[in-house]
Amino acid sequence: MSEKLALEDEKEVPQPKNLDFIMDIPLQLTVELGRSKLLVRDVLQLNQGSVVELTKLAGEPLDVFVNSKLVARGEAVVVNDKFGIRLLDIVSPNERVDKVL
């Protein structure tokens, strides 16, 4: 009877899940500086040097999307003469669900 109990205990021990098979799946990461709505007329009048006002304020955190889903917010940084993003806040699972619904 003690052998049966020992076997049942072994079955209940959670085994670590091997996620290696998904580690090489490519994802699209997008950082959004802001948005704007324009009329076709306004788009056709854009020239080099035109300025388009965006919805976000200067200094406001930028939204980070993975496959079009908001996952974090951050600030723009420069890394080796290229733009990068420093993550400031990771979106909670509850907030991600709220955005989808």
PDB file of N, CA and C in Angstrom:
ATOM      1  N   MET A   1       0.816  -1.191   0.000  1.00  0.00           N
ATOM      2  CA  MET A   1       0.000   0.000   0.000  1.00  0.00           C
ATOM      3  C   MET A   1       0.861   1.257   0.000  1.00  0.00           C
ATOM      4  N   SER A   2       1.971   1.234   0.674  1.00  0.00           N
ATOM      5  CA  SER A   2       2.848   2.392   0.681  1.00  0.00           C
ATOM      6  C   SER A   2       3.467   2.627  -0.689  1.00  0.00           C
ATOM      7  N   GLU A   3       3.688   1.536  -1.496  1.00  0.00           N
ATOM      8  CA  GLU A   3       4.199   1.701  -2.851  1.00  0.00           C
ATOM      9  C   GLU A   3       3.186   2.438  -3.714  1.00  0.00           C
ATOM     10  N   LYS A   4       1.923   2.100  -3.565  1.00  0.00           N
ATOM     11  CA  LYS A   4       0.866   2.753  -4.331  1.00  0.00           C
ATOM     12  C   LYS A   4       0.818   4.244  -4.001  1.00  0.00           C
ATOM     13  N   LEU A   5       0.946   4.601  -2.738  1.00  0.00           N
ATOM     14  CA  LEU A   5       0.931   5.988  -2.312  1.00  0.00           C
ATOM     15  C   LEU A   5       2.136   6.725  -2.897  1.00  0.00           C
ATOM     16  N   ALA A   6       3.298   6.092  -2.900  1.00  0.00           N
ATOM     17  CA  ALA A   6       4.505   6.714  -3.447  1.00  0.00           C
ATOM     18  C   ALA A   6       4.340   6.972  -4.941  1.00  0.00           C
ATOM     19  N   LEU A   7       3.748   6.057  -5.695  1.00  0.00           N
ATOM     20  CA  LEU A   7       3.533   6.244  -7.124  1.00  0.00           C
ATOM     21  C   LEU A   7       2.547   7.371  -7.399  1.00  0.00           C
ATOM     22  N   GLU A   8       1.506   7.454  -6.596  1.00  0.00           N
ATOM     23  CA  GLU A   8       0.530   8.527  -6.770  1.00  0.00           C
ATOM     24  C   GLU A   8       1.168   9.881  -6.488  1.00  0.00           C
ATOM     25  N   ASP A   9       2.055   9.944  -5.487  1.00  0.00           N
ATOM     26  CA  ASP A   9       2.729  11.200  -5.171  1.00  0.00           C
ATOM     27  C   ASP A   9       3.610  11.646  -6.335  1.00  0.00           C
ATOM     28  N   GLU A  10       4.275  10.697  -6.999  1.00  0.00           N
ATOM     29  CA  GLU A  10       5.131  11.024  -8.129  1.00  0.00           C
ATOM     30  C   GLU A  10       4.318  11.605  -9.287  1.00  0.00           C
ATOM     31  N   LYS A  11       3.132  11.100  -9.500  1.00  0.00           N
ATOM     32  CA  LYS A  11       2.289  11.592 -10.596  1.00  0.00           C
ATOM     33  C   LYS A  11       1.852  13.028 -10.365  1.00  0.00           C
ATOM     34  N   GLU A  12       1.717  13.424  -9.128  1.00  0.00           N
ATOM     35  CA  GLU A  12       1.218  14.755  -8.811  1.00  0.00           C
ATOM     36  C   GLU A  12       2.301  15.817  -8.851  1.00  0.00           C
ATOM     37  N   VAL A  13       3.556  15.443  -8.912  1.00  0.00           N
ATOM     38  CA  VAL A  13       4.637  16.408  -8.953  1.00  0.00           C
ATOM     39  C   VAL A  13       4.635  17.089 -10.320  1.00  0.00           C
ATOM     40  N   PRO A  14       4.493  18.416 -10.354  1.00  0.00           N
ATOM     41  CA  PRO A  14       4.457  19.096 -11.650  1.00  0.00           C
ATOM     42  C   PRO A  14       5.816  19.011 -12.335  1.00  0.00           C
ATOM     43  N   GLN A  15       5.782  18.682 -13.619  1.00  0.00           N
ATOM     44  CA  GLN A  15       6.999  18.582 -14.418  1.00  0.00           C
ATOM     45  C   GLN A  15       7.198  19.904 -15.147  1.00  0.00           C
ATOM     46  N   PRO A  16       8.449  20.362 -15.234  1.00  0.00           N
ATOM     47  CA  PRO A  16       8.678  21.608 -15.988  1.00  0.00           C
ATOM     48  C   PRO A  16       8.324  21.410 -17.458  1.00  0.00           C
ATOM     49  N   LYS A  17       7.659  22.406 -18.021  1.00  0.00           N
ATOM     50  CA  LYS A  17       7.248  22.316 -19.421  1.00  0.00           C
ATOM     51  C   LYS A  17       8.412  22.746 -20.316  1.00  0.00           C
ATOM     52  N   ASN A  18       8.635  22.002 -21.380  1.00  0.00           N
ATOM     53  CA  ASN A  18       9.693  22.317 -22.320  1.00  0.00           C
ATOM     54  C   ASN A  18       9.129  23.226 -23.408  1.00  0.00           C
ATOM     55  N   LEU A  19       9.545  24.478 -23.380  1.00  0.00           N
ATOM     56  CA  LEU A  19       9.043  25.458 -24.345  1.00  0.00           C
ATOM     57  C   LEU A  19      10.051  25.736 -25.454  1.00  0.00           C
ATOM     58  N   ASP A  20      11.103  24.932 -25.532  1.00  0.00           N
ATOM     59  CA  ASP A  20      12.139  25.157 -26.534  1.00  0.00           C
ATOM     60  C   ASP A  20      11.584  25.157 -27.953  1.00  0.00           C
ATOM     61  N   PHE A  21      10.548  24.390 -28.216  1.00  0.00           N
ATOM     62  CA  PHE A  21      10.022  24.273 -29.574  1.00  0.00           C
ATOM     63  C   PHE A  21       9.383  25.565 -30.079  1.00  0.00           C
ATOM     64  N   ILE A  22       9.056  26.503 -29.195  1.00  0.00           N
ATOM     65  CA  ILE A  22       8.461  27.767 -29.662  1.00  0.00           C
ATOM     66  C   ILE A  22       9.457  28.925 -29.648  1.00  0.00           C
ATOM     67  N   MET A  23      10.657  28.705 -29.155  1.00  0.00           N
ATOM     68  CA  MET A  23      11.617  29.796 -28.985  1.00  0.00           C
ATOM     69  C   MET A  23      12.083  30.417 -30.300  1.00  0.00           C
ATOM     70  N   ASP A  24      12.003  29.724 -31.418  1.00  0.00           N
ATOM     71  CA  ASP A  24      12.471  30.243 -32.691  1.00  0.00           C
ATOM     72  C   ASP A  24      11.352  30.770 -33.583  1.00  0.00           C
ATOM     73  N   ILE A  25      10.156  30.931 -33.028  1.00  0.00           N
ATOM     74  CA  ILE A  25       9.036  31.483 -33.804  1.00  0.00           C
ATOM     75  C   ILE A  25       9.209  32.997 -33.896  1.00  0.00           C
ATOM     76  N   PRO A  26       9.250  33.550 -35.101  1.00  0.00           N
ATOM     77  CA  PRO A  26       9.425  35.005 -35.238  1.00  0.00           C
ATOM     78  C   PRO A  26       8.149  35.763 -34.855  1.00  0.00           C
ATOM     79  N   LEU A  27       8.328  36.887 -34.185  1.00  0.00           N
ATOM     80  CA  LEU A  27       7.233  37.768 -33.799  1.00  0.00           C
ATOM     81  C   LEU A  27       7.533  39.166 -34.324  1.00  0.00           C
ATOM     82  N   GLN A  28       6.494  39.925 -34.603  1.00  0.00           N
ATOM     83  CA  GLN A  28       6.644  41.301 -35.083  1.00  0.00           C
ATOM     84  C   GLN A  28       6.548  42.249 -33.894  1.00  0.00           C
ATOM     85  N   LEU A  29       7.615  42.992 -33.610  1.00  0.00           N
ATOM     86  CA  LEU A  29       7.614  43.978 -32.534  1.00  0.00           C
ATOM     87  C   LEU A  29       7.509  45.365 -33.169  1.00  0.00           C
ATOM     88  N   THR A  30       6.557  46.158 -32.677  1.00  0.00           N
ATOM     89  CA  THR A  30       6.323  47.499 -33.200  1.00  0.00           C
ATOM     90  C   THR A  30       6.291  48.475 -32.035  1.00  0.00           C
ATOM     91  N   VAL A  31       6.925  49.619 -32.205  1.00  0.00           N
ATOM     92  CA  VAL A  31       6.865  50.684 -31.201  1.00  0.00           C
ATOM     93  C   VAL A  31       6.116  51.850 -31.837  1.00  0.00           C
ATOM     94  N   GLU A  32       5.069  52.285 -31.161  1.00  0.00           N
ATOM     95  CA  GLU A  32       4.224  53.352 -31.710  1.00  0.00           C
ATOM     96  C   GLU A  32       4.539  54.675 -31.035  1.00  0.00           C
ATOM     97  N   LEU A  33       4.949  55.631 -31.855  1.00  0.00           N
ATOM     98  CA  LEU A  33       5.262  56.974 -31.377  1.00  0.00           C
ATOM     99  C   LEU A  33       3.987  57.771 -31.128  1.00  0.00           C
ATOM    100  N   GLY A  34       2.975  57.536 -31.942  1.00  0.00           N
ATOM    101  CA  GLY A  34       1.706  58.243 -31.815  1.00  0.00           C
ATOM    102  C   GLY A  34       0.845  57.971 -33.028  1.00  0.00           C
ATOM    103  N   ARG A  35      -0.334  58.574 -33.055  1.00  0.00           N
ATOM    104  CA  ARG A  35      -1.274  58.396 -34.164  1.00  0.00           C
ATOM    105  C   ARG A  35      -1.858  59.737 -34.558  1.00  0.00           C
ATOM    106  N   SER A  36      -2.419  59.760 -35.749  1.00  0.00           N
ATOM    107  CA  SER A  36      -3.104  60.952 -36.227  1.00  0.00           C
ATOM    108  C   SER A  36      -4.117  60.528 -37.280  1.00  0.00           C
ATOM    109  N   LYS A  37      -5.208  61.253 -37.373  1.00  0.00           N
ATOM    110  CA  LYS A  37      -6.186  61.024 -38.434  1.00  0.00           C
ATOM    111  C   LYS A  37      -6.078  62.187 -39.409  1.00  0.00           C
ATOM    112  N   LEU A  38      -5.971  61.838 -40.687  1.00  0.00           N
ATOM    113  CA  LEU A  38      -5.868  62.854 -41.721  1.00  0.00           C
ATOM    114  C   LEU A  38      -6.883  62.584 -42.811  1.00  0.00           C
ATOM    115  N   LEU A  39      -7.322  63.643 -43.463  1.00  0.00           N
ATOM    116  CA  LEU A  39      -8.162  63.511 -44.641  1.00  0.00           C
ATOM    117  C   LEU A  39      -7.269  63.186 -45.835  1.00  0.00           C
ATOM    118  N   VAL A  40      -7.833  62.571 -46.850  1.00  0.00           N
ATOM    119  CA  VAL A  40      -7.082  62.277 -48.065  1.00  0.00           C
ATOM    120  C   VAL A  40      -6.454  63.565 -48.599  1.00  0.00           C
ATOM    121  N   ARG A  41      -7.203  64.658 -48.581  1.00  0.00           N
ATOM    122  CA  ARG A  41      -6.724  65.954 -49.047  1.00  0.00           C
ATOM    123  C   ARG A  41      -5.440  66.351 -48.315  1.00  0.00           C
ATOM    124  N   ASP A  42      -5.415  66.122 -46.991  1.00  0.00           N
ATOM    125  CA  ASP A  42      -4.248  66.494 -46.191  1.00  0.00           C
ATOM    126  C   ASP A  42      -3.043  65.609 -46.503  1.00  0.00           C
ATOM    127  N   VAL A  43      -3.291  64.318 -46.733  1.00  0.00           N
ATOM    128  CA  VAL A  43      -2.198  63.401 -47.074  1.00  0.00           C
ATOM    129  C   VAL A  43      -1.585  63.788 -48.412  1.00  0.00           C
ATOM    130  N   LEU A  44      -2.429  64.153 -49.367  1.00  0.00           N
ATOM    131  CA  LEU A  44      -1.931  64.527 -50.688  1.00  0.00           C
ATOM    132  C   LEU A  44      -1.142  65.840 -50.675  1.00  0.00           C
ATOM    133  N   GLN A  45      -1.348  66.652 -49.653  1.00  0.00           N
ATOM    134  CA  GLN A  45      -0.638  67.929 -49.552  1.00  0.00           C
ATOM    135  C   GLN A  45       0.671  67.814 -48.759  1.00  0.00           C
ATOM    136  N   LEU A  46       0.976  66.615 -48.243  1.00  0.00           N
ATOM    137  CA  LEU A  46       2.219  66.453 -47.482  1.00  0.00           C
ATOM    138  C   LEU A  46       3.425  66.617 -48.392  1.00  0.00           C
ATOM    139  N   ASN A  47       4.416  67.327 -47.911  1.00  0.00           N
ATOM    140  CA  ASN A  47       5.671  67.554 -48.632  1.00  0.00           C
ATOM    141  C   ASN A  47       6.818  67.264 -47.683  1.00  0.00           C
ATOM    142  N   GLN A  48       8.014  67.188 -48.251  1.00  0.00           N
ATOM    143  CA  GLN A  48       9.192  67.042 -47.409  1.00  0.00           C
ATOM    144  C   GLN A  48       9.237  68.232 -46.459  1.00  0.00           C
ATOM    145  N   GLY A  49       9.405  67.947 -45.178  1.00  0.00           N
ATOM    146  CA  GLY A  49       9.433  69.003 -44.170  1.00  0.00           C
ATOM    147  C   GLY A  49       8.088  69.245 -43.509  1.00  0.00           C
ATOM    148  N   SER A  50       7.010  68.637 -44.026  1.00  0.00           N
ATOM    149  CA  SER A  50       5.693  68.775 -43.391  1.00  0.00           C
ATOM    150  C   SER A  50       5.743  68.167 -41.997  1.00  0.00           C
ATOM    151  N   VAL A  51       4.945  68.719 -41.112  1.00  0.00           N
ATOM    152  CA  VAL A  51       4.861  68.213 -39.740  1.00  0.00           C
ATOM    153  C   VAL A  51       3.450  67.698 -39.512  1.00  0.00           C
ATOM    154  N   VAL A  52       3.360  66.468 -39.010  1.00  0.00           N
ATOM    155  CA  VAL A  52       2.067  65.872 -38.679  1.00  0.00           C
ATOM    156  C   VAL A  52       2.001  65.748 -37.164  1.00  0.00           C
ATOM    157  N   GLU A  53       1.000  66.381 -36.564  1.00  0.00           N
ATOM    158  CA  GLU A  53       0.843  66.334 -35.112  1.00  0.00           C
ATOM    159  C   GLU A  53       0.286  64.967 -34.716  1.00  0.00           C
ATOM    160  N   LEU A  54       0.890  64.374 -33.679  1.00  0.00           N
ATOM    161  CA  LEU A  54       0.464  63.061 -33.190  1.00  0.00           C
ATOM    162  C   LEU A  54      -0.311  63.205 -31.886  1.00  0.00           C
ATOM    163  N   THR A  55      -1.018  62.152 -31.516  1.00  0.00           N
ATOM    164  CA  THR A  55      -1.878  62.188 -30.329  1.00  0.00           C
ATOM    165  C   THR A  55      -1.094  62.173 -29.019  1.00  0.00           C
ATOM    166  N   LYS A  56       0.090  61.592 -29.016  1.00  0.00           N
ATOM    167  CA  LYS A  56       0.852  61.499 -27.768  1.00  0.00           C
ATOM    168  C   LYS A  56       1.594  62.800 -27.490  1.00  0.00           C
ATOM    169  N   LEU A  57       1.758  63.090 -26.209  1.00  0.00           N
ATOM    170  CA  LEU A  57       2.510  64.265 -25.797  1.00  0.00           C
ATOM    171  C   LEU A  57       3.993  63.933 -25.725  1.00  0.00           C
ATOM    172  N   ALA A  58       4.835  64.938 -25.908  1.00  0.00           N
ATOM    173  CA  ALA A  58       6.276  64.740 -25.786  1.00  0.00           C
ATOM    174  C   ALA A  58       6.589  64.234 -24.380  1.00  0.00           C
ATOM    175  N   GLY A  59       7.425  63.216 -24.282  1.00  0.00           N
ATOM    176  CA  GLY A  59       7.797  62.651 -22.986  1.00  0.00           C
ATOM    177  C   GLY A  59       6.873  61.559 -22.502  1.00  0.00           C
ATOM    178  N   GLU A  60       5.754  61.376 -23.171  1.00  0.00           N
ATOM    179  CA  GLU A  60       4.812  60.323 -22.795  1.00  0.00           C
ATOM    180  C   GLU A  60       5.381  58.965 -23.227  1.00  0.00           C
ATOM    181  N   PRO A  61       5.161  57.907 -22.424  1.00  0.00           N
ATOM    182  CA  PRO A  61       5.702  56.586 -22.802  1.00  0.00           C
ATOM    183  C   PRO A  61       5.175  56.108 -24.161  1.00  0.00           C
ATOM    184  N   LEU A  62       6.043  55.402 -24.889  1.00  0.00           N
ATOM    185  CA  LEU A  62       5.687  54.841 -26.185  1.00  0.00           C
ATOM    186  C   LEU A  62       5.089  53.457 -25.990  1.00  0.00           C
ATOM    187  N   ASP A  63       4.142  53.086 -26.823  1.00  0.00           N
ATOM    188  CA  ASP A  63       3.508  51.773 -26.729  1.00  0.00           C
ATOM    189  C   ASP A  63       4.328  50.746 -27.507  1.00  0.00           C
ATOM    190  N   VAL A  64       4.497  49.560 -26.911  1.00  0.00           N
ATOM    191  CA  VAL A  64       5.235  48.466 -27.537  1.00  0.00           C
ATOM    192  C   VAL A  64       4.238  47.345 -27.813  1.00  0.00           C
ATOM    193  N   PHE A  65       4.146  46.946 -29.080  1.00  0.00           N
ATOM    194  CA  PHE A  65       3.219  45.911 -29.500  1.00  0.00           C
ATOM    195  C   PHE A  65       4.000  44.692 -29.982  1.00  0.00           C
ATOM    196  N   VAL A  66       3.516  43.507 -29.664  1.00  0.00           N
ATOM    197  CA  VAL A  66       4.032  42.271 -30.243  1.00  0.00           C
ATOM    198  C   VAL A  66       2.866  41.628 -30.969  1.00  0.00           C
ATOM    199  N   ASN A  67       3.029  41.446 -32.278  1.00  0.00           N
ATOM    200  CA  ASN A  67       1.945  40.938 -33.133  1.00  0.00           C
ATOM    201  C   ASN A  67       0.654  41.712 -32.912  1.00  0.00           C
ATOM    202  N   SER A  68       0.767  43.027 -32.908  1.00  0.00           N
ATOM    203  CA  SER A  68      -0.365  43.965 -32.787  1.00  0.00           C
ATOM    204  C   SER A  68      -1.041  43.950 -31.426  1.00  0.00           C
ATOM    205  N   LYS A  69      -0.447  43.328 -30.418  1.00  0.00           N
ATOM    206  CA  LYS A  69      -1.008  43.310 -29.061  1.00  0.00           C
ATOM    207  C   LYS A  69      -0.107  44.131 -28.145  1.00  0.00           C
ATOM    208  N   LEU A  70      -0.694  45.079 -27.420  1.00  0.00           N
ATOM    209  CA  LEU A  70       0.068  45.910 -26.497  1.00  0.00           C
ATOM    210  C   LEU A  70       0.664  45.042 -25.393  1.00  0.00           C
ATOM    211  N   VAL A  71       1.987  45.098 -25.230  1.00  0.00           N
ATOM    212  CA  VAL A  71       2.638  44.286 -24.194  1.00  0.00           C
ATOM    213  C   VAL A  71       3.454  45.117 -23.223  1.00  0.00           C
ATOM    214  N   ALA A  72       3.825  46.351 -23.598  1.00  0.00           N
ATOM    215  CA  ALA A  72       4.673  47.149 -22.715  1.00  0.00           C
ATOM    216  C   ALA A  72       4.619  48.613 -23.115  1.00  0.00           C
ATOM    217  N   ARG A  73       5.224  49.446 -22.263  1.00  0.00           N
ATOM    218  CA  ARG A  73       5.414  50.868 -22.557  1.00  0.00           C
ATOM    219  C   ARG A  73       6.862  51.196 -22.243  1.00  0.00           C
ATOM    220  N   GLY A  74       7.407  52.146 -22.985  1.00  0.00           N
ATOM    221  CA  GLY A  74       8.809  52.464 -22.762  1.00  0.00           C
ATOM    222  C   GLY A  74       9.167  53.845 -23.256  1.00  0.00           C
ATOM    223  N   GLU A  75      10.480  54.137 -23.212  1.00  0.00           N
ATOM    224  CA  GLU A  75      10.973  55.427 -23.673  1.00  0.00           C
ATOM    225  C   GLU A  75      12.038  55.206 -24.738  1.00  0.00           C
ATOM    226  N   ALA A  76      12.100  56.124 -25.678  1.00  0.00           N
ATOM    227  CA  ALA A  76      13.071  56.024 -26.765  1.00  0.00           C
ATOM    228  C   ALA A  76      14.465  56.296 -26.226  1.00  0.00           C
ATOM    229  N   VAL A  77      15.433  55.514 -26.705  1.00  0.00           N
ATOM    230  CA  VAL A  77      16.843  55.702 -26.375  1.00  0.00           C
ATOM    231  C   VAL A  77      17.647  55.551 -27.665  1.00  0.00           C
ATOM    232  N   VAL A  78      18.903  55.977 -27.623  1.00  0.00           N
ATOM    233  CA  VAL A  78      19.799  55.796 -28.762  1.00  0.00           C
ATOM    234  C   VAL A  78      20.848  54.771 -28.362  1.00  0.00           C
ATOM    235  N   VAL A  79      21.006  53.733 -29.200  1.00  0.00           N
ATOM    236  CA  VAL A  79      21.969  52.671 -28.962  1.00  0.00           C
ATOM    237  C   VAL A  79      22.809  52.518 -30.222  1.00  0.00           C
ATOM    238  N   ASN A  80      24.103  52.849 -30.126  1.00  0.00           N
ATOM    239  CA  ASN A  80      24.997  52.751 -31.292  1.00  0.00           C
ATOM    240  C   ASN A  80      24.425  53.448 -32.526  1.00  0.00           C
ATOM    241  N   ASP A  81      24.003  54.680 -32.370  1.00  0.00           N
ATOM    242  CA  ASP A  81      23.458  55.500 -33.451  1.00  0.00           C
ATOM    243  C   ASP A  81      22.140  54.982 -34.028  1.00  0.00           C
ATOM    244  N   LYS A  82      21.478  54.085 -33.336  1.00  0.00           N
ATOM    245  CA  LYS A  82      20.163  53.597 -33.749  1.00  0.00           C
ATOM    246  C   LYS A  82      19.179  53.840 -32.610  1.00  0.00           C
ATOM    247  N   PHE A  83      17.919  53.964 -32.974  1.00  0.00           N
ATOM    248  CA  PHE A  83      16.897  54.099 -31.942  1.00  0.00           C
ATOM    249  C   PHE A  83      16.661  52.757 -31.270  1.00  0.00           C
ATOM    250  N   GLY A  84      16.359  52.806 -30.002  1.00  0.00           N
ATOM    251  CA  GLY A  84      15.974  51.623 -29.239  1.00  0.00           C
ATOM    252  C   GLY A  84      14.873  52.031 -28.286  1.00  0.00           C
ATOM    253  N   ILE A  85      14.428  51.092 -27.485  1.00  0.00           N
ATOM    254  CA  ILE A  85      13.400  51.408 -26.487  1.00  0.00           C
ATOM    255  C   ILE A  85      13.765  50.771 -25.158  1.00  0.00           C
ATOM    256  N   ARG A  86      13.683  51.565 -24.107  1.00  0.00           N
ATOM    257  CA  ARG A  86      13.882  51.070 -22.747  1.00  0.00           C
ATOM    258  C   ARG A  86      12.497  50.816 -22.164  1.00  0.00           C
ATOM    259  N   LEU A  87      12.239  49.562 -21.811  1.00  0.00           N
ATOM    260  CA  LEU A  87      10.923  49.210 -21.281  1.00  0.00           C
ATOM    261  C   LEU A  87      10.773  49.749 -19.869  1.00  0.00           C
ATOM    262  N   LEU A  88       9.677  50.441 -19.651  1.00  0.00           N
ATOM    263  CA  LEU A  88       9.379  51.032 -18.349  1.00  0.00           C
ATOM    264  C   LEU A  88       8.299  50.264 -17.602  1.00  0.00           C
ATOM    265  N   ASP A  89       7.405  49.652 -18.372  1.00  0.00           N
ATOM    266  CA  ASP A  89       6.248  48.995 -17.757  1.00  0.00           C
ATOM    267  C   ASP A  89       5.795  47.853 -18.667  1.00  0.00           C
ATOM    268  N   ILE A  90       5.611  46.676 -18.096  1.00  0.00           N
ATOM    269  CA  ILE A  90       5.067  45.541 -18.831  1.00  0.00           C
ATOM    270  C   ILE A  90       3.572  45.488 -18.532  1.00  0.00           C
ATOM    271  N   VAL A  91       2.770  45.360 -19.555  1.00  0.00           N
ATOM    272  CA  VAL A  91       1.317  45.341 -19.403  1.00  0.00           C
ATOM    273  C   VAL A  91       0.896  44.055 -18.699  1.00  0.00           C
ATOM    274  N   SER A  92       0.034  44.171 -17.706  1.00  0.00           N
ATOM    275  CA  SER A  92      -0.437  42.998 -16.967  1.00  0.00           C
ATOM    276  C   SER A  92      -1.316  42.134 -17.864  1.00  0.00           C
ATOM    277  N   PRO A  93      -1.377  40.837 -17.585  1.00  0.00           N
ATOM    278  CA  PRO A  93      -2.264  39.966 -18.373  1.00  0.00           C
ATOM    279  C   PRO A  93      -3.711  40.452 -18.368  1.00  0.00           C
ATOM    280  N   ASN A  94      -4.186  40.968 -17.234  1.00  0.00           N
ATOM    281  CA  ASN A  94      -5.567  41.465 -17.157  1.00  0.00           C
ATOM    282  C   ASN A  94      -5.781  42.643 -18.111  1.00  0.00           C
ATOM    283  N   GLU A  95      -4.806  43.544 -18.172  1.00  0.00           N
ATOM    284  CA  GLU A  95      -4.927  44.703 -19.058  1.00  0.00           C
ATOM    285  C   GLU A  95      -4.890  44.273 -20.520  1.00  0.00           C
ATOM    286  N   ARG A  96      -4.069  43.249 -20.831  1.00  0.00           N
ATOM    287  CA  ARG A  96      -4.030  42.742 -22.209  1.00  0.00           C
ATOM    288  C   ARG A  96      -5.371  42.169 -22.612  1.00  0.00           C
ATOM    289  N   VAL A  97      -6.035  41.446 -21.706  1.00  0.00           N
ATOM    290  CA  VAL A  97      -7.343  40.866 -21.988  1.00  0.00           C
ATOM    291  C   VAL A  97      -8.358  41.980 -22.183  1.00  0.00           C
ATOM    292  N   ASP A  98      -8.306  43.032 -21.352  1.00  0.00           N
ATOM    293  CA  ASP A  98      -9.242  44.151 -21.480  1.00  0.00           C
ATOM    294  C   ASP A  98      -9.117  44.836 -22.838  1.00  0.00           C
ATOM    295  N   LYS A  99      -7.895  44.959 -23.367  1.00  0.00           N
ATOM    296  CA  LYS A  99      -7.679  45.605 -24.661  1.00  0.00           C
ATOM    297  C   LYS A  99      -8.264  44.778 -25.801  1.00  0.00           C
ATOM    298  N   VAL A 100      -8.238  43.449 -25.648  1.00  0.00           N
ATOM    299  CA  VAL A 100      -8.745  42.552 -26.700  1.00  0.00           C
ATOM    300  C   VAL A 100     -10.263  42.552 -26.719  1.00  0.00           C
ATOM    301  N   LEU A 101     -10.894  42.632 -25.546  1.00  0.00           N
ATOM    302  CA  LEU A 101     -12.363  42.565 -25.448  1.00  0.00           C
ATOM    303  C   LEU A 101     -13.029  43.851 -25.736  1.00  0.00           C
TER     304      LEU A 101
END
